[in-house]
PDB file of N, CA and C in Angstrom:
ATOM      1  N   MET A   1     126.408  42.242  75.603  1.00  0.00           N
ATOM      2  CA  MET A   1     125.122  42.843  75.343  1.00  0.00           C
ATOM      3  C   MET A   1     125.234  43.835  74.177  1.00  0.00           C
ATOM      4  N   PHE A   2     126.234  44.720  74.223  1.00  0.00           N
ATOM      5  CA  PHE A   2     126.441  45.703  73.171  1.00  0.00           C
ATOM      6  C   PHE A   2     127.783  45.454  72.542  1.00  0.00           C
ATOM      7  N   ARG A   3     127.849  45.700  71.214  1.00  0.00           N
ATOM      8  CA  ARG A   3     129.106  45.537  70.485  1.00  0.00           C
ATOM      9  C   ARG A   3     129.417  46.778  69.681  1.00  0.00           C
ATOM     10  N   ILE A   4     130.688  47.137  69.690  1.00  0.00           N
ATOM     11  CA  ILE A   4     131.152  48.296  68.940  1.00  0.00           C
ATOM     12  C   ILE A   4     132.076  47.817  67.835  1.00  0.00           C
ATOM     13  N   ASN A   5     131.863  48.338  66.637  1.00  0.00           N
ATOM     14  CA  ASN A   5     132.725  48.006  65.501  1.00  0.00           C
ATOM     15  C   ASN A   5     133.431  49.271  65.047  1.00  0.00           C
ATOM     16  N   PRO A   6     134.705  49.449  65.479  1.00  0.00           N
ATOM     17  CA  PRO A   6     135.434  50.654  65.120  1.00  0.00           C
ATOM     18  C   PRO A   6     135.627  50.823  63.608  1.00  0.00           C
ATOM     19  N   ALA A   7     135.591  49.728  62.875  1.00  0.00           N
ATOM     20  CA  ALA A   7     135.825  49.759  61.433  1.00  0.00           C
ATOM     21  C   ALA A   7     134.555  50.111  60.626  1.00  0.00           C
ATOM     22  N   SER A   8     133.426  50.243  61.303  1.00  0.00           N
ATOM     23  CA  SER A   8     132.176  50.448  60.589  1.00  0.00           C
ATOM     24  C   SER A   8     132.062  51.820  59.924  1.00  0.00           C
ATOM     25  N   GLY A   9     132.867  52.775  60.355  1.00  0.00           N
ATOM     26  CA  GLY A   9     132.771  54.107  59.802  1.00  0.00           C
ATOM     27  C   GLY A   9     131.662  54.924  60.445  1.00  0.00           C
ATOM     28  N   LYS A  10     130.900  54.319  61.333  1.00  0.00           N
ATOM     29  CA  LYS A  10     129.812  55.021  62.021  1.00  0.00           C
ATOM     30  C   LYS A  10     130.291  55.393  63.436  1.00  0.00           C
ATOM     31  N   ALA A  11     129.918  56.568  63.899  1.00  0.00           N
ATOM     32  CA  ALA A  11     130.314  57.028  65.205  1.00  0.00           C
ATOM     33  C   ALA A  11     129.922  56.012  66.286  1.00  0.00           C
ATOM     34  N   ILE A  12     130.763  55.876  67.306  1.00  0.00           N
ATOM     35  CA  ILE A  12     130.481  54.882  68.349  1.00  0.00           C
ATOM     36  C   ILE A  12     129.177  55.200  69.093  1.00  0.00           C
ATOM     37  N   TYR A  13     128.935  56.464  69.373  1.00  0.00           N
ATOM     38  CA  TYR A  13     127.670  56.802  70.081  1.00  0.00           C
ATOM     39  C   TYR A  13     126.473  56.420  69.236  1.00  0.00           C
ATOM     40  N   GLU A  14     126.601  56.560  67.896  1.00  0.00           N
ATOM     41  CA  GLU A  14     125.477  56.166  67.025  1.00  0.00           C
ATOM     42  C   GLU A  14     125.292  54.648  67.040  1.00  0.00           C
ATOM     43  N   GLN A  15     126.381  53.900  67.079  1.00  0.00           N
ATOM     44  CA  GLN A  15     126.268  52.457  67.176  1.00  0.00           C
ATOM     45  C   GLN A  15     125.533  52.037  68.456  1.00  0.00           C
ATOM     46  N   ILE A  16     125.865  52.684  69.550  1.00  0.00           N
ATOM     47  CA  ILE A  16     125.216  52.390  70.831  1.00  0.00           C
ATOM     48  C   ILE A  16     123.721  52.721  70.718  1.00  0.00           C
ATOM     49  N   MET A  17     123.431  53.893  70.165  1.00  0.00           N
ATOM     50  CA  MET A  17     122.013  54.295  70.037  1.00  0.00           C
ATOM     51  C   MET A  17     121.235  53.304  69.194  1.00  0.00           C
ATOM     52  N   GLU A  18     121.786  52.899  68.082  1.00  0.00           N
ATOM     53  CA  GLU A  18     121.095  51.972  67.171  1.00  0.00           C
ATOM     54  C   GLU A  18     120.812  50.633  67.865  1.00  0.00           C
ATOM     55  N   GLN A  19     121.797  50.147  68.618  1.00  0.00           N
ATOM     56  CA  GLN A  19     121.593  48.876  69.300  1.00  0.00           C
ATOM     57  C   GLN A  19     120.541  48.952  70.391  1.00  0.00           C
ATOM     58  N   ILE A  20     120.533  50.066  71.117  1.00  0.00           N
ATOM     59  CA  ILE A  20     119.511  50.225  72.153  1.00  0.00           C
ATOM     60  C   ILE A  20     118.139  50.370  71.540  1.00  0.00           C
ATOM     61  N   LYS A  21     118.024  51.172  70.468  1.00  0.00           N
ATOM     62  CA  LYS A  21     116.754  51.329  69.779  1.00  0.00           C
ATOM     63  C   LYS A  21     116.255  49.979  69.259  1.00  0.00           C
ATOM     64  N   ALA A  22     117.147  49.204  68.672  1.00  0.00           N
ATOM     65  CA  ALA A  22     116.759  47.918  68.106  1.00  0.00           C
ATOM     66  C   ALA A  22     116.235  47.000  69.220  1.00  0.00           C
ATOM     67  N   GLN A  23     116.848  47.053  70.384  1.00  0.00           N
ATOM     68  CA  GLN A  23     116.386  46.222  71.499  1.00  0.00           C
ATOM     69  C   GLN A  23     115.052  46.689  72.022  1.00  0.00           C
ATOM     70  N   ILE A  24     114.827  47.983  72.013  1.00  0.00           N
ATOM     71  CA  ILE A  24     113.521  48.506  72.429  1.00  0.00           C
ATOM     72  C   ILE A  24     112.429  48.091  71.447  1.00  0.00           C
ATOM     73  N   ILE A  25     112.697  48.278  70.149  1.00  0.00           N
ATOM     74  CA  ILE A  25     111.718  47.957  69.127  1.00  0.00           C
ATOM     75  C   ILE A  25     111.400  46.468  69.088  1.00  0.00           C
ATOM     76  N   SER A  26     112.406  45.630  69.289  1.00  0.00           N
ATOM     77  CA  SER A  26     112.213  44.176  69.249  1.00  0.00           C
ATOM     78  C   SER A  26     111.550  43.657  70.525  1.00  0.00           C
ATOM     79  N   GLY A  27     111.483  44.498  71.537  1.00  0.00           N
ATOM     80  CA  GLY A  27     110.898  44.029  72.809  1.00  0.00           C
ATOM     81  C   GLY A  27     111.917  43.425  73.762  1.00  0.00           C
ATOM     82  N   GLN A  28     113.148  43.343  73.332  1.00  0.00           N
ATOM     83  CA  GLN A  28     114.184  42.813  74.195  1.00  0.00           C
ATOM     84  C   GLN A  28     114.362  43.706  75.421  1.00  0.00           C
ATOM     85  N   LEU A  29     114.301  45.008  75.210  1.00  0.00           N
ATOM     86  CA  LEU A  29     114.297  45.978  76.305  1.00  0.00           C
ATOM     87  C   LEU A  29     112.855  46.459  76.477  1.00  0.00           C
ATOM     88  N   LYS A  30     112.342  46.354  77.701  1.00  0.00           N
ATOM     89  CA  LYS A  30     110.955  46.735  77.945  1.00  0.00           C
ATOM     90  C   LYS A  30     110.906  47.995  78.807  1.00  0.00           C
ATOM     91  N   GLU A  31     109.754  48.591  78.900  1.00  0.00           N
ATOM     92  CA  GLU A  31     109.563  49.757  79.743  1.00  0.00           C
ATOM     93  C   GLU A  31     109.982  49.407  81.161  1.00  0.00           C
ATOM     94  N   ASN A  32     110.698  50.300  81.786  1.00  0.00           N
ATOM     95  CA  ASN A  32     111.212  50.180  83.159  1.00  0.00           C
ATOM     96  C   ASN A  32     112.442  49.280  83.277  1.00  0.00           C
ATOM     97  N   ASP A  33     112.935  48.717  82.144  1.00  0.00           N
ATOM     98  CA  ASP A  33     114.226  48.036  82.176  1.00  0.00           C
ATOM     99  C   ASP A  33     115.301  49.072  82.414  1.00  0.00           C
ATOM    100  N   ILE A  34     116.337  48.677  83.086  1.00  0.00           N
ATOM    101  CA  ILE A  34     117.414  49.606  83.404  1.00  0.00           C
ATOM    102  C   ILE A  34     118.616  49.366  82.521  1.00  0.00           C
ATOM    103  N   LEU A  35     119.062  50.418  81.853  1.00  0.00           N
ATOM    104  CA  LEU A  35     120.299  50.292  81.054  1.00  0.00           C
ATOM    105  C   LEU A  35     121.507  50.371  81.995  1.00  0.00           C
ATOM    106  N   PRO A  36     122.629  49.831  81.545  1.00  0.00           N
ATOM    107  CA  PRO A  36     123.844  49.957  82.378  1.00  0.00           C
ATOM    108  C   PRO A  36     124.160  51.431  82.584  1.00  0.00           C
ATOM    109  N   SER A  37     124.807  51.722  83.729  1.00  0.00           N
ATOM    110  CA  SER A  37     125.216  53.086  83.980  1.00  0.00           C
ATOM    111  C   SER A  37     126.218  53.528  82.915  1.00  0.00           C
ATOM    112  N   VAL A  38     126.397  54.817  82.777  1.00  0.00           N
ATOM    113  CA  VAL A  38     127.346  55.363  81.814  1.00  0.00           C
ATOM    114  C   VAL A  38     128.728  54.770  82.063  1.00  0.00           C
ATOM    115  N   ARG A  39     129.139  54.797  83.311  1.00  0.00           N
ATOM    116  CA  ARG A  39     130.488  54.289  83.638  1.00  0.00           C
ATOM    117  C   ARG A  39     130.646  52.809  83.364  1.00  0.00           C
ATOM    118  N   THR A  40     129.614  52.039  83.727  1.00  0.00           N
ATOM    119  CA  THR A  40     129.657  50.592  83.519  1.00  0.00           C
ATOM    120  C   THR A  40     129.749  50.280  82.020  1.00  0.00           C
ATOM    121  N   MET A  41     128.912  50.931  81.226  1.00  0.00           N
ATOM    122  CA  MET A  41     128.913  50.665  79.786  1.00  0.00           C
ATOM    123  C   MET A  41     130.254  51.090  79.196  1.00  0.00           C
ATOM    124  N   ALA A  42     130.776  52.231  79.603  1.00  0.00           N
ATOM    125  CA  ALA A  42     132.063  52.705  79.084  1.00  0.00           C
ATOM    126  C   ALA A  42     133.172  51.711  79.419  1.00  0.00           C
ATOM    127  N   LYS A  43     133.168  51.201  80.614  1.00  0.00           N
ATOM    128  CA  LYS A  43     134.170  50.226  81.053  1.00  0.00           C
ATOM    129  C   LYS A  43     134.078  48.946  80.255  1.00  0.00           C
ATOM    130  N   GLU A  44     132.844  48.446  80.076  1.00  0.00           N
ATOM    131  CA  GLU A  44     132.628  47.188  79.359  1.00  0.00           C
ATOM    132  C   GLU A  44     133.077  47.297  77.895  1.00  0.00           C
ATOM    133  N   LEU A  45     132.775  48.428  77.257  1.00  0.00           N
ATOM    134  CA  LEU A  45     133.084  48.633  75.850  1.00  0.00           C
ATOM    135  C   LEU A  45     134.480  49.214  75.614  1.00  0.00           C
ATOM    136  N   LYS A  46     135.132  49.595  76.757  1.00  0.00           N
ATOM    137  CA  LYS A  46     136.458  50.205  76.667  1.00  0.00           C
ATOM    138  C   LYS A  46     136.428  51.470  75.837  1.00  0.00           C
ATOM    139  N   ILE A  47     135.457  52.311  76.153  1.00  0.00           N
ATOM    140  CA  ILE A  47     135.306  53.612  75.455  1.00  0.00           C
ATOM    141  C   ILE A  47     135.132  54.710  76.507  1.00  0.00           C
ATOM    142  N   SER A  48     135.119  55.934  76.056  1.00  0.00           N
ATOM    143  CA  SER A  48     134.960  57.088  76.958  1.00  0.00           C
ATOM    144  C   SER A  48     133.546  57.134  77.498  1.00  0.00           C
ATOM    145  N   ALA A  49     133.441  57.516  78.790  1.00  0.00           N
ATOM    146  CA  ALA A  49     132.128  57.697  79.403  1.00  0.00           C
ATOM    147  C   ALA A  49     131.354  58.810  78.686  1.00  0.00           C
ATOM    148  N   LEU A  50     132.050  59.800  78.138  1.00  0.00           N
ATOM    149  CA  LEU A  50     131.402  60.908  77.418  1.00  0.00           C
ATOM    150  C   LEU A  50     130.689  60.403  76.172  1.00  0.00           C
ATOM    151  N   THR A  51     131.262  59.383  75.551  1.00  0.00           N
ATOM    152  CA  THR A  51     130.647  58.788  74.361  1.00  0.00           C
ATOM    153  C   THR A  51     129.316  58.111  74.727  1.00  0.00           C
ATOM    154  N   VAL A  52     129.350  57.379  75.810  1.00  0.00           N
ATOM    155  CA  VAL A  52     128.108  56.701  76.276  1.00  0.00           C
ATOM    156  C   VAL A  52     127.077  57.762  76.681  1.00  0.00           C
ATOM    157  N   LYS A  53     127.535  58.789  77.399  1.00  0.00           N
ATOM    158  CA  LYS A  53     126.619  59.841  77.823  1.00  0.00           C
ATOM    159  C   LYS A  53     125.967  60.523  76.622  1.00  0.00           C
ATOM    160  N   LYS A  54     126.745  60.746  75.559  1.00  0.00           N
ATOM    161  CA  LYS A  54     126.182  61.370  74.369  1.00  0.00           C
ATOM    162  C   LYS A  54     125.076  60.484  73.784  1.00  0.00           C
ATOM    163  N   ALA A  55     125.322  59.187  73.721  1.00  0.00           N
ATOM    164  CA  ALA A  55     124.318  58.253  73.200  1.00  0.00           C
ATOM    165  C   ALA A  55     123.069  58.275  74.085  1.00  0.00           C
ATOM    166  N   TYR A  56     123.252  58.206  75.384  1.00  0.00           N
ATOM    167  CA  TYR A  56     122.112  58.196  76.318  1.00  0.00           C
ATOM    168  C   TYR A  56     121.343  59.508  76.213  1.00  0.00           C
ATOM    169  N   ASP A  57     122.058  60.623  76.174  1.00  0.00           N
ATOM    170  CA  ASP A  57     121.387  61.932  76.080  1.00  0.00           C
ATOM    171  C   ASP A  57     120.577  62.048  74.795  1.00  0.00           C
ATOM    172  N   ASN A  58     121.147  61.590  73.690  1.00  0.00           N
ATOM    173  CA  ASN A  58     120.425  61.654  72.414  1.00  0.00           C
ATOM    174  C   ASN A  58     119.200  60.758  72.440  1.00  0.00           C
ATOM    175  N   LEU A  59     119.290  59.600  73.042  1.00  0.00           N
ATOM    176  CA  LEU A  59     118.134  58.710  73.134  1.00  0.00           C
ATOM    177  C   LEU A  59     117.037  59.338  73.976  1.00  0.00           C
ATOM    178  N   GLU A  60     117.450  60.062  75.012  1.00  0.00           N
ATOM    179  CA  GLU A  60     116.445  60.731  75.845  1.00  0.00           C
ATOM    180  C   GLU A  60     115.800  61.863  75.064  1.00  0.00           C
ATOM    181  N   THR A  61     116.579  62.636  74.319  1.00  0.00           N
ATOM    182  CA  THR A  61     116.048  63.718  73.500  1.00  0.00           C
ATOM    183  C   THR A  61     115.026  63.196  72.495  1.00  0.00           C
ATOM    184  N   GLU A  62     115.301  61.985  71.952  1.00  0.00           N
ATOM    185  CA  GLU A  62     114.405  61.388  70.985  1.00  0.00           C
ATOM    186  C   GLU A  62     113.165  60.749  71.642  1.00  0.00           C
ATOM    187  N   GLY A  63     113.145  60.730  72.977  1.00  0.00           N
ATOM    188  CA  GLY A  63     112.016  60.120  73.675  1.00  0.00           C
ATOM    189  C   GLY A  63     112.048  58.631  73.800  1.00  0.00           C
ATOM    190  N   MET A  64     113.213  58.048  73.517  1.00  0.00           N
ATOM    191  CA  MET A  64     113.356  56.571  73.591  1.00  0.00           C
ATOM    192  C   MET A  64     113.626  56.105  75.034  1.00  0.00           C
ATOM    193  N   THR A  65     114.283  56.968  75.819  1.00  0.00           N
ATOM    194  CA  THR A  65     114.630  56.604  77.187  1.00  0.00           C
ATOM    195  C   THR A  65     114.326  57.775  78.097  1.00  0.00           C
ATOM    196  N   VAL A  66     114.357  57.501  79.413  1.00  0.00           N
ATOM    197  CA  VAL A  66     114.195  58.513  80.423  1.00  0.00           C
ATOM    198  C   VAL A  66     115.246  58.298  81.483  1.00  0.00           C
ATOM    199  N   THR A  67     115.893  59.383  81.883  1.00  0.00           N
ATOM    200  CA  THR A  67     116.919  59.292  82.939  1.00  0.00           C
ATOM    201  C   THR A  67     116.232  59.461  84.299  1.00  0.00           C
ATOM    202  N   VAL A  68     116.499  58.541  85.219  1.00  0.00           N
ATOM    203  CA  VAL A  68     115.958  58.636  86.575  1.00  0.00           C
ATOM    204  C   VAL A  68     117.162  58.682  87.517  1.00  0.00           C
ATOM    205  N   HIS A  69     117.204  59.743  88.303  1.00  0.00           N
ATOM    206  CA  HIS A  69     118.315  59.885  89.261  1.00  0.00           C
ATOM    207  C   HIS A  69     118.003  59.298  90.575  1.00  0.00           C
TER     208      HIS A  69
END
């Protein structure tokens, strides 16, 4: 679902944000769709959970996503 390119020169959290935004804009992700949990995404991409959390937090700050506990 998501791909990370370490050679891109762009921060990993920014790559995650861009991909999620693109999926929202294209309609691939719709309102009330659930993103993978921070831990699940981190495990799938083999990256730190803190990196995923930073991407999710920034998306929420921008109003693109909402966290529901």
